[in-house]
Amino acid sequence: MSDYATISVEQLKARLDAGENIRLIDVREDEEVAQGMIPGAVHLPLGQIPQQLANIPKDEEVVFICRSGYRSDQACQYLSAQGYKVANMVGGMLAWNQLP
């Protein structure tokens, strides 16, 4: 059992459409984000997260995004163990790009 939340692409889109200000961090590599990101997301490659902890808010929910949900899950595992409030976007950008 994980110590962090998951969020579906439909749930995230509904919250963003409702005007919620949600912290989004995209952990894909440069060439992947060049193909498009969710508006408002911050690019922070997975390998740089340990060095960038000071730039990740610890007191508010942060949703992590990658291509399929695997790398963002790794980020969530690591950060939840450090006491961060995180959520993994299930299905990643593959699922996001399938939204109507």
PDB file of N, CA and C in Angstrom:
ATOM      1  N   MET A   1       0.850  -1.201   0.000  1.00  0.00           N
ATOM      2  CA  MET A   1       0.000   0.000   0.000  1.00  0.00           C
ATOM      3  C   MET A   1       0.880   1.243   0.000  1.00  0.00           C
ATOM      4  N   SER A   2       0.554   2.180  -0.857  1.00  0.00           N
ATOM      5  CA  SER A   2       1.358   3.389  -0.955  1.00  0.00           C
ATOM      6  C   SER A   2       0.932   4.406   0.107  1.00  0.00           C
ATOM      7  N   ASP A   3       1.847   5.290   0.435  1.00  0.00           N
ATOM      8  CA  ASP A   3       1.584   6.331   1.420  1.00  0.00           C
ATOM      9  C   ASP A   3       1.221   7.644   0.762  1.00  0.00           C
ATOM     10  N   TYR A   4       0.782   7.598  -0.480  1.00  0.00           N
ATOM     11  CA  TYR A   4       0.441   8.812  -1.203  1.00  0.00           C
ATOM     12  C   TYR A   4      -0.780   8.553  -2.070  1.00  0.00           C
ATOM     13  N   ALA A   5      -1.347   9.639  -2.536  1.00  0.00           N
ATOM     14  CA  ALA A   5      -2.584   9.568  -3.321  1.00  0.00           C
ATOM     15  C   ALA A   5      -2.290   9.341  -4.797  1.00  0.00           C
ATOM     16  N   THR A   6      -3.325   8.927  -5.490  1.00  0.00           N
ATOM     17  CA  THR A   6      -3.280   8.911  -6.947  1.00  0.00           C
ATOM     18  C   THR A   6      -4.438   9.778  -7.428  1.00  0.00           C
ATOM     19  N   ILE A   7      -4.297  10.276  -8.630  1.00  0.00           N
ATOM     20  CA  ILE A   7      -5.350  11.093  -9.225  1.00  0.00           C
ATOM     21  C   ILE A   7      -5.470  10.684 -10.689  1.00  0.00           C
ATOM     22  N   SER A   8      -6.695  10.517 -11.145  1.00  0.00           N
ATOM     23  CA  SER A   8      -6.900  10.168 -12.554  1.00  0.00           C
ATOM     24  C   SER A   8      -6.788  11.435 -13.396  1.00  0.00           C
ATOM     25  N   VAL A   9      -6.566  11.247 -14.683  1.00  0.00           N
ATOM     26  CA  VAL A   9      -6.485  12.410 -15.562  1.00  0.00           C
ATOM     27  C   VAL A   9      -7.818  13.146 -15.594  1.00  0.00           C
ATOM     28  N   GLU A  10      -8.915  12.406 -15.492  1.00  0.00           N
ATOM     29  CA  GLU A  10     -10.244  13.040 -15.480  1.00  0.00           C
ATOM     30  C   GLU A  10     -10.432  13.889 -14.231  1.00  0.00           C
ATOM     31  N   GLN A  11      -9.995  13.361 -13.073  1.00  0.00           N
ATOM     32  CA  GLN A  11     -10.106  14.120 -11.825  1.00  0.00           C
ATOM     33  C   GLN A  11      -9.254  15.383 -11.883  1.00  0.00           C
ATOM     34  N   LEU A  12      -8.030  15.241 -12.376  1.00  0.00           N
ATOM     35  CA  LEU A  12      -7.141  16.397 -12.460  1.00  0.00           C
ATOM     36  C   LEU A  12      -7.700  17.446 -13.405  1.00  0.00           C
ATOM     37  N   LYS A  13      -8.165  17.021 -14.566  1.00  0.00           N
ATOM     38  CA  LYS A  13      -8.730  17.974 -15.530  1.00  0.00           C
ATOM     39  C   LYS A  13      -9.933  18.698 -14.929  1.00  0.00           C
ATOM     40  N   ALA A  14     -10.795  17.977 -14.228  1.00  0.00           N
ATOM     41  CA  ALA A  14     -11.964  18.598 -13.607  1.00  0.00           C
ATOM     42  C   ALA A  14     -11.548  19.636 -12.569  1.00  0.00           C
ATOM     43  N   ARG A  15     -10.541  19.325 -11.774  1.00  0.00           N
ATOM     44  CA  ARG A  15     -10.070  20.275 -10.765  1.00  0.00           C
ATOM     45  C   ARG A  15      -9.443  21.505 -11.421  1.00  0.00           C
ATOM     46  N   LEU A  16      -8.652  21.293 -12.474  1.00  0.00           N
ATOM     47  CA  LEU A  16      -8.048  22.426 -13.182  1.00  0.00           C
ATOM     48  C   LEU A  16      -9.119  23.269 -13.870  1.00  0.00           C
ATOM     49  N   ASP A  17     -10.087  22.601 -14.493  1.00  0.00           N
ATOM     50  CA  ASP A  17     -11.181  23.324 -15.159  1.00  0.00           C
ATOM     51  C   ASP A  17     -12.006  24.136 -14.169  1.00  0.00           C
ATOM     52  N   ALA A  18     -12.060  23.671 -12.913  1.00  0.00           N
ATOM     53  CA  ALA A  18     -12.811  24.380 -11.874  1.00  0.00           C
ATOM     54  C   ALA A  18     -12.013  25.552 -11.308  1.00  0.00           C
ATOM     55  N   GLY A  19     -10.784  25.724 -11.797  1.00  0.00           N
ATOM     56  CA  GLY A  19      -9.984  26.866 -11.372  1.00  0.00           C
ATOM     57  C   GLY A  19      -9.084  26.606 -10.185  1.00  0.00           C
ATOM     58  N   GLU A  20      -8.968  25.345  -9.763  1.00  0.00           N
ATOM     59  CA  GLU A  20      -8.075  25.051  -8.643  1.00  0.00           C
ATOM     60  C   GLU A  20      -6.632  25.320  -9.044  1.00  0.00           C
ATOM     61  N   ASN A  21      -5.881  25.864  -8.111  1.00  0.00           N
ATOM     62  CA  ASN A  21      -4.461  26.114  -8.335  1.00  0.00           C
ATOM     63  C   ASN A  21      -3.699  24.920  -7.786  1.00  0.00           C
ATOM     64  N   ILE A  22      -3.328  23.995  -8.658  1.00  0.00           N
ATOM     65  CA  ILE A  22      -2.680  22.755  -8.252  1.00  0.00           C
ATOM     66  C   ILE A  22      -1.229  22.777  -8.710  1.00  0.00           C
ATOM     67  N   ARG A  23      -0.346  22.410  -7.818  1.00  0.00           N
ATOM     68  CA  ARG A  23       1.073  22.312  -8.176  1.00  0.00           C
ATOM     69  C   ARG A  23       1.277  21.054  -9.000  1.00  0.00           C
ATOM     70  N   LEU A  24       1.818  21.224 -10.199  1.00  0.00           N
ATOM     71  CA  LEU A  24       2.076  20.106 -11.103  1.00  0.00           C
ATOM     72  C   LEU A  24       3.563  20.065 -11.418  1.00  0.00           C
ATOM     73  N   ILE A  25       4.171  18.886 -11.264  1.00  0.00           N
ATOM     74  CA  ILE A  25       5.580  18.717 -11.624  1.00  0.00           C
ATOM     75  C   ILE A  25       5.677  17.566 -12.611  1.00  0.00           C
ATOM     76  N   ASP A  26       6.245  17.870 -13.779  1.00  0.00           N
ATOM     77  CA  ASP A  26       6.424  16.898 -14.847  1.00  0.00           C
ATOM     78  C   ASP A  26       7.854  16.373 -14.766  1.00  0.00           C
ATOM     79  N   VAL A  27       8.010  15.057 -14.521  1.00  0.00           N
ATOM     80  CA  VAL A  27       9.339  14.485 -14.293  1.00  0.00           C
ATOM     81  C   VAL A  27       9.940  13.839 -15.542  1.00  0.00           C
ATOM     82  N   ARG A  28       9.337  14.093 -16.713  1.00  0.00           N
ATOM     83  CA  ARG A  28       9.877  13.522 -17.951  1.00  0.00           C
ATOM     84  C   ARG A  28      11.171  14.229 -18.359  1.00  0.00           C
ATOM     85  N   GLU A  29      11.828  13.654 -19.339  1.00  0.00           N
ATOM     86  CA  GLU A  29      13.071  14.223 -19.854  1.00  0.00           C
ATOM     87  C   GLU A  29      12.768  15.361 -20.831  1.00  0.00           C
ATOM     88  N   ASP A  30      13.799  16.161 -21.128  1.00  0.00           N
ATOM     89  CA  ASP A  30      13.644  17.352 -21.971  1.00  0.00           C
ATOM     90  C   ASP A  30      12.955  17.060 -23.302  1.00  0.00           C
ATOM     91  N   GLU A  31      13.394  15.990 -23.985  1.00  0.00           N
ATOM     92  CA  GLU A  31      12.826  15.698 -25.304  1.00  0.00           C
ATOM     93  C   GLU A  31      11.349  15.288 -25.204  1.00  0.00           C
ATOM     94  N   GLU A  32      10.941  14.751 -24.057  1.00  0.00           N
ATOM     95  CA  GLU A  32       9.536  14.376 -23.880  1.00  0.00           C
ATOM     96  C   GLU A  32       8.651  15.606 -23.635  1.00  0.00           C
ATOM     97  N   VAL A  33       9.117  16.511 -22.776  1.00  0.00           N
ATOM     98  CA  VAL A  33       8.302  17.692 -22.488  1.00  0.00           C
ATOM     99  C   VAL A  33       8.237  18.625 -23.692  1.00  0.00           C
ATOM    100  N   ALA A  34       9.207  18.519 -24.595  1.00  0.00           N
ATOM    101  CA  ALA A  34       9.177  19.326 -25.815  1.00  0.00           C
ATOM    102  C   ALA A  34       7.943  18.983 -26.655  1.00  0.00           C
ATOM    103  N   GLN A  35       7.375  17.809 -26.454  1.00  0.00           N
ATOM    104  CA  GLN A  35       6.180  17.385 -27.186  1.00  0.00           C
ATOM    105  C   GLN A  35       4.893  17.899 -26.541  1.00  0.00           C
ATOM    106  N   GLY A  36       5.026  18.578 -25.407  1.00  0.00           N
ATOM    107  CA  GLY A  36       3.855  19.168 -24.769  1.00  0.00           C
ATOM    108  C   GLY A  36       3.751  18.829 -23.302  1.00  0.00           C
ATOM    109  N   MET A  37       3.265  19.809 -22.545  1.00  0.00           N
ATOM    110  CA  MET A  37       3.062  19.646 -21.105  1.00  0.00           C
ATOM    111  C   MET A  37       1.668  20.156 -20.755  1.00  0.00           C
ATOM    112  N   ILE A  38       1.195  19.755 -19.586  1.00  0.00           N
ATOM    113  CA  ILE A  38      -0.058  20.301 -19.070  1.00  0.00           C
ATOM    114  C   ILE A  38       0.218  21.759 -18.699  1.00  0.00           C
ATOM    115  N   PRO A  39      -0.631  22.692 -19.146  1.00  0.00           N
ATOM    116  CA  PRO A  39      -0.401  24.106 -18.816  1.00  0.00           C
ATOM    117  C   PRO A  39      -0.264  24.308 -17.303  1.00  0.00           C
ATOM    118  N   GLY A  40       0.766  25.038 -16.928  1.00  0.00           N
ATOM    119  CA  GLY A  40       1.008  25.320 -15.516  1.00  0.00           C
ATOM    120  C   GLY A  40       1.970  24.357 -14.848  1.00  0.00           C
ATOM    121  N   ALA A  41       2.294  23.258 -15.523  1.00  0.00           N
ATOM    122  CA  ALA A  41       3.224  22.290 -14.936  1.00  0.00           C
ATOM    123  C   ALA A  41       4.646  22.834 -14.970  1.00  0.00           C
ATOM    124  N   VAL A  42       5.434  22.415 -13.996  1.00  0.00           N
ATOM    125  CA  VAL A  42       6.842  22.761 -13.915  1.00  0.00           C
ATOM    126  C   VAL A  42       7.635  21.525 -14.327  1.00  0.00           C
ATOM    127  N   HIS A  43       8.654  21.722 -15.158  1.00  0.00           N
ATOM    128  CA  HIS A  43       9.488  20.600 -15.595  1.00  0.00           C
ATOM    129  C   HIS A  43      10.623  20.392 -14.613  1.00  0.00           C
ATOM    130  N   LEU A  44      10.690  19.192 -14.046  1.00  0.00           N
ATOM    131  CA  LEU A  44      11.763  18.821 -13.119  1.00  0.00           C
ATOM    132  C   LEU A  44      12.067  17.344 -13.357  1.00  0.00           C
ATOM    133  N   PRO A  45      13.077  17.040 -14.198  1.00  0.00           N
ATOM    134  CA  PRO A  45      13.369  15.639 -14.512  1.00  0.00           C
ATOM    135  C   PRO A  45      13.569  14.792 -13.258  1.00  0.00           C
ATOM    136  N   LEU A  46      13.107  13.557 -13.322  1.00  0.00           N
ATOM    137  CA  LEU A  46      13.145  12.650 -12.173  1.00  0.00           C
ATOM    138  C   LEU A  46      14.512  12.600 -11.508  1.00  0.00           C
ATOM    139  N   GLY A  47      15.566  12.516 -12.295  1.00  0.00           N
ATOM    140  CA  GLY A  47      16.912  12.398 -11.741  1.00  0.00           C
ATOM    141  C   GLY A  47      17.377  13.617 -10.958  1.00  0.00           C
ATOM    142  N   GLN A  48      16.696  14.751 -11.132  1.00  0.00           N
ATOM    143  CA  GLN A  48      17.105  15.979 -10.433  1.00  0.00           C
ATOM    144  C   GLN A  48      16.326  16.221  -9.141  1.00  0.00           C
ATOM    145  N   ILE A  49      15.315  15.394  -8.873  1.00  0.00           N
ATOM    146  CA  ILE A  49      14.471  15.638  -7.697  1.00  0.00           C
ATOM    147  C   ILE A  49      15.255  15.671  -6.378  1.00  0.00           C
ATOM    148  N   PRO A  50      16.171  14.722  -6.125  1.00  0.00           N
ATOM    149  CA  PRO A  50      16.883  14.795  -4.832  1.00  0.00           C
ATOM    150  C   PRO A  50      17.639  16.104  -4.616  1.00  0.00           C
ATOM    151  N   GLN A  51      18.150  16.711  -5.690  1.00  0.00           N
ATOM    152  CA  GLN A  51      18.891  17.971  -5.565  1.00  0.00           C
ATOM    153  C   GLN A  51      17.955  19.188  -5.526  1.00  0.00           C
ATOM    154  N   GLN A  52      16.686  18.996  -5.842  1.00  0.00           N
ATOM    155  CA  GLN A  52      15.744  20.115  -5.950  1.00  0.00           C
ATOM    156  C   GLN A  52      14.668  20.114  -4.859  1.00  0.00           C
ATOM    157  N   LEU A  53      14.887  19.393  -3.772  1.00  0.00           N
ATOM    158  CA  LEU A  53      13.865  19.293  -2.725  1.00  0.00           C
ATOM    159  C   LEU A  53      13.418  20.660  -2.216  1.00  0.00           C
ATOM    160  N   ALA A  54      14.340  21.617  -2.149  1.00  0.00           N
ATOM    161  CA  ALA A  54      13.992  22.952  -1.645  1.00  0.00           C
ATOM    162  C   ALA A  54      12.982  23.653  -2.546  1.00  0.00           C
ATOM    163  N   ASN A  55      12.890  23.226  -3.809  1.00  0.00           N
ATOM    164  CA  ASN A  55      11.966  23.856  -4.753  1.00  0.00           C
ATOM    165  C   ASN A  55      10.626  23.136  -4.854  1.00  0.00           C
ATOM    166  N   ILE A  56      10.435  22.109  -4.036  1.00  0.00           N
ATOM    167  CA  ILE A  56       9.165  21.369  -4.031  1.00  0.00           C
ATOM    168  C   ILE A  56       8.462  21.683  -2.724  1.00  0.00           C
ATOM    169  N   PRO A  57       7.262  22.279  -2.790  1.00  0.00           N
ATOM    170  CA  PRO A  57       6.566  22.648  -1.546  1.00  0.00           C
ATOM    171  C   PRO A  57       6.203  21.404  -0.735  1.00  0.00           C
ATOM    172  N   LYS A  58       6.490  21.461   0.556  1.00  0.00           N
ATOM    173  CA  LYS A  58       6.240  20.314   1.425  1.00  0.00           C
ATOM    174  C   LYS A  58       4.871  20.404   2.088  1.00  0.00           C
ATOM    175  N   ASP A  59       4.295  21.601   2.132  1.00  0.00           N
ATOM    176  CA  ASP A  59       3.056  21.811   2.896  1.00  0.00           C
ATOM    177  C   ASP A  59       1.804  21.868   2.026  1.00  0.00           C
ATOM    178  N   GLU A  60       1.917  21.516   0.744  1.00  0.00           N
ATOM    179  CA  GLU A  60       0.734  21.488  -0.118  1.00  0.00           C
ATOM    180  C   GLU A  60       0.838  20.321  -1.083  1.00  0.00           C
ATOM    181  N   GLU A  61      -0.305  19.893  -1.590  1.00  0.00           N
ATOM    182  CA  GLU A  61      -0.330  18.769  -2.515  1.00  0.00           C
ATOM    183  C   GLU A  61       0.408  19.113  -3.808  1.00  0.00           C
ATOM    184  N   VAL A  62       1.236  18.175  -4.257  1.00  0.00           N
ATOM    185  CA  VAL A  62       1.929  18.310  -5.532  1.00  0.00           C
ATOM    186  C   VAL A  62       1.597  17.068  -6.355  1.00  0.00           C
ATOM    187  N   VAL A  63       1.113  17.285  -7.590  1.00  0.00           N
ATOM    188  CA  VAL A  63       0.790  16.181  -8.484  1.00  0.00           C
ATOM    189  C   VAL A  63       1.967  15.972  -9.425  1.00  0.00           C
ATOM    190  N   PHE A  64       2.425  14.714  -9.495  1.00  0.00           N
ATOM    191  CA  PHE A  64       3.557  14.368 -10.350  1.00  0.00           C
ATOM    192  C   PHE A  64       3.068  13.669 -11.609  1.00  0.00           C
ATOM    193  N   ILE A  65       3.734  14.024 -12.730  1.00  0.00           N
ATOM    194  CA  ILE A  65       3.315  13.599 -14.062  1.00  0.00           C
ATOM    195  C   ILE A  65       4.523  13.046 -14.806  1.00  0.00           C
ATOM    196  N   CYS A  66       4.306  11.981 -15.579  1.00  0.00           N
ATOM    197  CA  CYS A  66       5.327  11.504 -16.512  1.00  0.00           C
ATOM    198  C   CYS A  66       4.615  10.964 -17.751  1.00  0.00           C
ATOM    199  N   ARG A  67       5.279  10.129 -18.519  1.00  0.00           N
ATOM    200  CA  ARG A  67       4.689   9.624 -19.759  1.00  0.00           C
ATOM    201  C   ARG A  67       3.552   8.648 -19.469  1.00  0.00           C
ATOM    202  N   SER A  68       3.804   7.659 -18.598  1.00  0.00           N
ATOM    203  CA  SER A  68       2.816   6.603 -18.365  1.00  0.00           C
ATOM    204  C   SER A  68       2.390   6.458 -16.914  1.00  0.00           C
ATOM    205  N   GLY A  69       3.065   7.135 -16.008  1.00  0.00           N
ATOM    206  CA  GLY A  69       2.738   7.037 -14.585  1.00  0.00           C
ATOM    207  C   GLY A  69       3.779   6.301 -13.767  1.00  0.00           C
ATOM    208  N   TYR A  70       4.755   5.666 -14.415  1.00  0.00           N
ATOM    209  CA  TYR A  70       5.757   4.892 -13.695  1.00  0.00           C
ATOM    210  C   TYR A  70       6.798   5.780 -13.002  1.00  0.00           C
ATOM    211  N   ARG A  71       7.389   6.705 -13.748  1.00  0.00           N
ATOM    212  CA  ARG A  71       8.410   7.578 -13.146  1.00  0.00           C
ATOM    213  C   ARG A  71       7.798   8.522 -12.119  1.00  0.00           C
ATOM    214  N   SER A  72       6.592   9.009 -12.396  1.00  0.00           N
ATOM    215  CA  SER A  72       5.940   9.868 -11.405  1.00  0.00           C
ATOM    216  C   SER A  72       5.635   9.069 -10.136  1.00  0.00           C
ATOM    217  N   ASP A  73       5.334   7.772 -10.287  1.00  0.00           N
ATOM    218  CA  ASP A  73       5.131   6.911  -9.122  1.00  0.00           C
ATOM    219  C   ASP A  73       6.428   6.801  -8.319  1.00  0.00           C
ATOM    220  N   GLN A  74       7.550   6.664  -9.004  1.00  0.00           N
ATOM    221  CA  GLN A  74       8.848   6.611  -8.311  1.00  0.00           C
ATOM    222  C   GLN A  74       9.097   7.907  -7.540  1.00  0.00           C
ATOM    223  N   ALA A  75       8.794   9.048  -8.174  1.00  0.00           N
ATOM    224  CA  ALA A  75       8.968  10.341  -7.509  1.00  0.00           C
ATOM    225  C   ALA A  75       8.090  10.417  -6.265  1.00  0.00           C
ATOM    226  N   CYS A  76       6.849   9.953  -6.378  1.00  0.00           N
ATOM    227  CA  CYS A  76       5.925   9.988  -5.246  1.00  0.00           C
ATOM    228  C   CYS A  76       6.405   9.087  -4.104  1.00  0.00           C
ATOM    229  N   GLN A  77       6.907   7.904  -4.439  1.00  0.00           N
ATOM    230  CA  GLN A  77       7.437   7.009  -3.399  1.00  0.00           C
ATOM    231  C   GLN A  77       8.567   7.691  -2.643  1.00  0.00           C
ATOM    232  N   TYR A  78       9.489   8.271  -3.382  1.00  0.00           N
ATOM    233  CA  TYR A  78      10.643   8.932  -2.767  1.00  0.00           C
ATOM    234  C   TYR A  78      10.213  10.108  -1.894  1.00  0.00           C
ATOM    235  N   LEU A  79       9.367  10.968  -2.451  1.00  0.00           N
ATOM    236  CA  LEU A  79       8.995  12.191  -1.740  1.00  0.00           C
ATOM    237  C   LEU A  79       8.058  11.918  -0.567  1.00  0.00           C
ATOM    238  N   SER A  80       7.175  10.942  -0.694  1.00  0.00           N
ATOM    239  CA  SER A  80       6.289  10.647   0.439  1.00  0.00           C
ATOM    240  C   SER A  80       7.108  10.129   1.617  1.00  0.00           C
ATOM    241  N   ALA A  81       8.182   9.394   1.330  1.00  0.00           N
ATOM    242  CA  ALA A  81       9.073   8.920   2.390  1.00  0.00           C
ATOM    243  C   ALA A  81       9.795  10.087   3.068  1.00  0.00           C
ATOM    244  N   GLN A  82       9.909  11.227   2.369  1.00  0.00           N
ATOM    245  CA  GLN A  82      10.543  12.423   2.921  1.00  0.00           C
ATOM    246  C   GLN A  82       9.528  13.337   3.618  1.00  0.00           C
ATOM    247  N   GLY A  83       8.252  12.921   3.626  1.00  0.00           N
ATOM    248  CA  GLY A  83       7.229  13.705   4.304  1.00  0.00           C
ATOM    249  C   GLY A  83       6.463  14.672   3.422  1.00  0.00           C
ATOM    250  N   TYR A  84       6.590  14.552   2.116  1.00  0.00           N
ATOM    251  CA  TYR A  84       5.882  15.429   1.185  1.00  0.00           C
ATOM    252  C   TYR A  84       4.473  14.913   0.928  1.00  0.00           C
ATOM    253  N   LYS A  85       3.560  15.839   0.638  1.00  0.00           N
ATOM    254  CA  LYS A  85       2.174  15.511   0.298  1.00  0.00           C
ATOM    255  C   LYS A  85       2.092  15.450  -1.228  1.00  0.00           C
ATOM    256  N   VAL A  86       2.106  14.244  -1.775  1.00  0.00           N
ATOM    257  CA  VAL A  86       2.198  14.075  -3.215  1.00  0.00           C
ATOM    258  C   VAL A  86       1.066  13.211  -3.751  1.00  0.00           C
ATOM    259  N   ALA A  87       0.825  13.340  -5.047  1.00  0.00           N
ATOM    260  CA  ALA A  87      -0.148  12.499  -5.749  1.00  0.00           C
ATOM    261  C   ALA A  87       0.422  12.144  -7.116  1.00  0.00           C
ATOM    262  N   ASN A  88       0.170  10.925  -7.534  1.00  0.00           N
ATOM    263  CA  ASN A  88       0.636  10.455  -8.834  1.00  0.00           C
ATOM    264  C   ASN A  88      -0.522  10.503  -9.828  1.00  0.00           C
ATOM    265  N   MET A  89      -0.294  11.150 -10.976  1.00  0.00           N
ATOM    266  CA  MET A  89      -1.297  11.156 -12.035  1.00  0.00           C
ATOM    267  C   MET A  89      -1.225   9.821 -12.772  1.00  0.00           C
ATOM    268  N   VAL A  90      -2.231   8.995 -12.558  1.00  0.00           N
ATOM    269  CA  VAL A  90      -2.271   7.645 -13.120  1.00  0.00           C
ATOM    270  C   VAL A  90      -2.415   7.700 -14.642  1.00  0.00           C
ATOM    271  N   GLY A  91      -1.583   6.923 -15.323  1.00  0.00           N
ATOM    272  CA  GLY A  91      -1.656   6.867 -16.788  1.00  0.00           C
ATOM    273  C   GLY A  91      -0.792   7.887 -17.492  1.00  0.00           C
ATOM    274  N   GLY A  92      -0.337   8.902 -16.762  1.00  0.00           N
ATOM    275  CA  GLY A  92       0.573   9.895 -17.315  1.00  0.00           C
ATOM    276  C   GLY A  92       0.023  10.647 -18.519  1.00  0.00           C
ATOM    277  N   MET A  93       0.949  11.197 -19.278  1.00  0.00           N
ATOM    278  CA  MET A  93       0.569  11.994 -20.455  1.00  0.00           C
ATOM    279  C   MET A  93      -0.084  11.148 -21.540  1.00  0.00           C
ATOM    280  N   LEU A  94       0.192   9.847 -21.567  1.00  0.00           N
ATOM    281  CA  LEU A  94      -0.496   8.983 -22.527  1.00  0.00           C
ATOM    282  C   LEU A  94      -1.996   9.045 -22.287  1.00  0.00           C
ATOM    283  N   ALA A  95      -2.405   8.973 -21.012  1.00  0.00           N
ATOM    284  CA  ALA A  95      -3.828   9.057 -20.665  1.00  0.00           C
ATOM    285  C   ALA A  95      -4.348  10.481 -20.849  1.00  0.00           C
ATOM    286  N   TRP A  96      -3.548  11.487 -20.447  1.00  0.00           N
ATOM    287  CA  TRP A  96      -3.975  12.888 -20.574  1.00  0.00           C
ATOM    288  C   TRP A  96      -4.299  13.230 -22.027  1.00  0.00           C
ATOM    289  N   ASN A  97      -3.443  12.758 -22.931  1.00  0.00           N
ATOM    290  CA  ASN A  97      -3.629  13.088 -24.350  1.00  0.00           C
ATOM    291  C   ASN A  97      -4.817  12.367 -24.966  1.00  0.00           C
ATOM    292  N   GLN A  98      -5.408  11.419 -24.256  1.00  0.00           N
ATOM    293  CA  GLN A  98      -6.607  10.720 -24.738  1.00  0.00           C
ATOM    294  C   GLN A  98      -7.897  11.408 -24.285  1.00  0.00           C
ATOM    295  N   LEU A  99      -7.765  12.419 -23.411  1.00  0.00           N
ATOM    296  CA  LEU A  99      -8.970  13.127 -22.933  1.00  0.00           C
ATOM    297  C   LEU A  99      -9.680  13.796 -24.112  1.00  0.00           C
ATOM    298  N   PRO A 100     -11.021  13.826 -24.050  1.00  0.00           N
ATOM    299  CA  PRO A 100     -11.767  14.496 -25.132  1.00  0.00           C
ATOM    300  C   PRO A 100     -11.549  16.003 -25.105  1.00  0.00           C
TER     301      PRO A 100
END
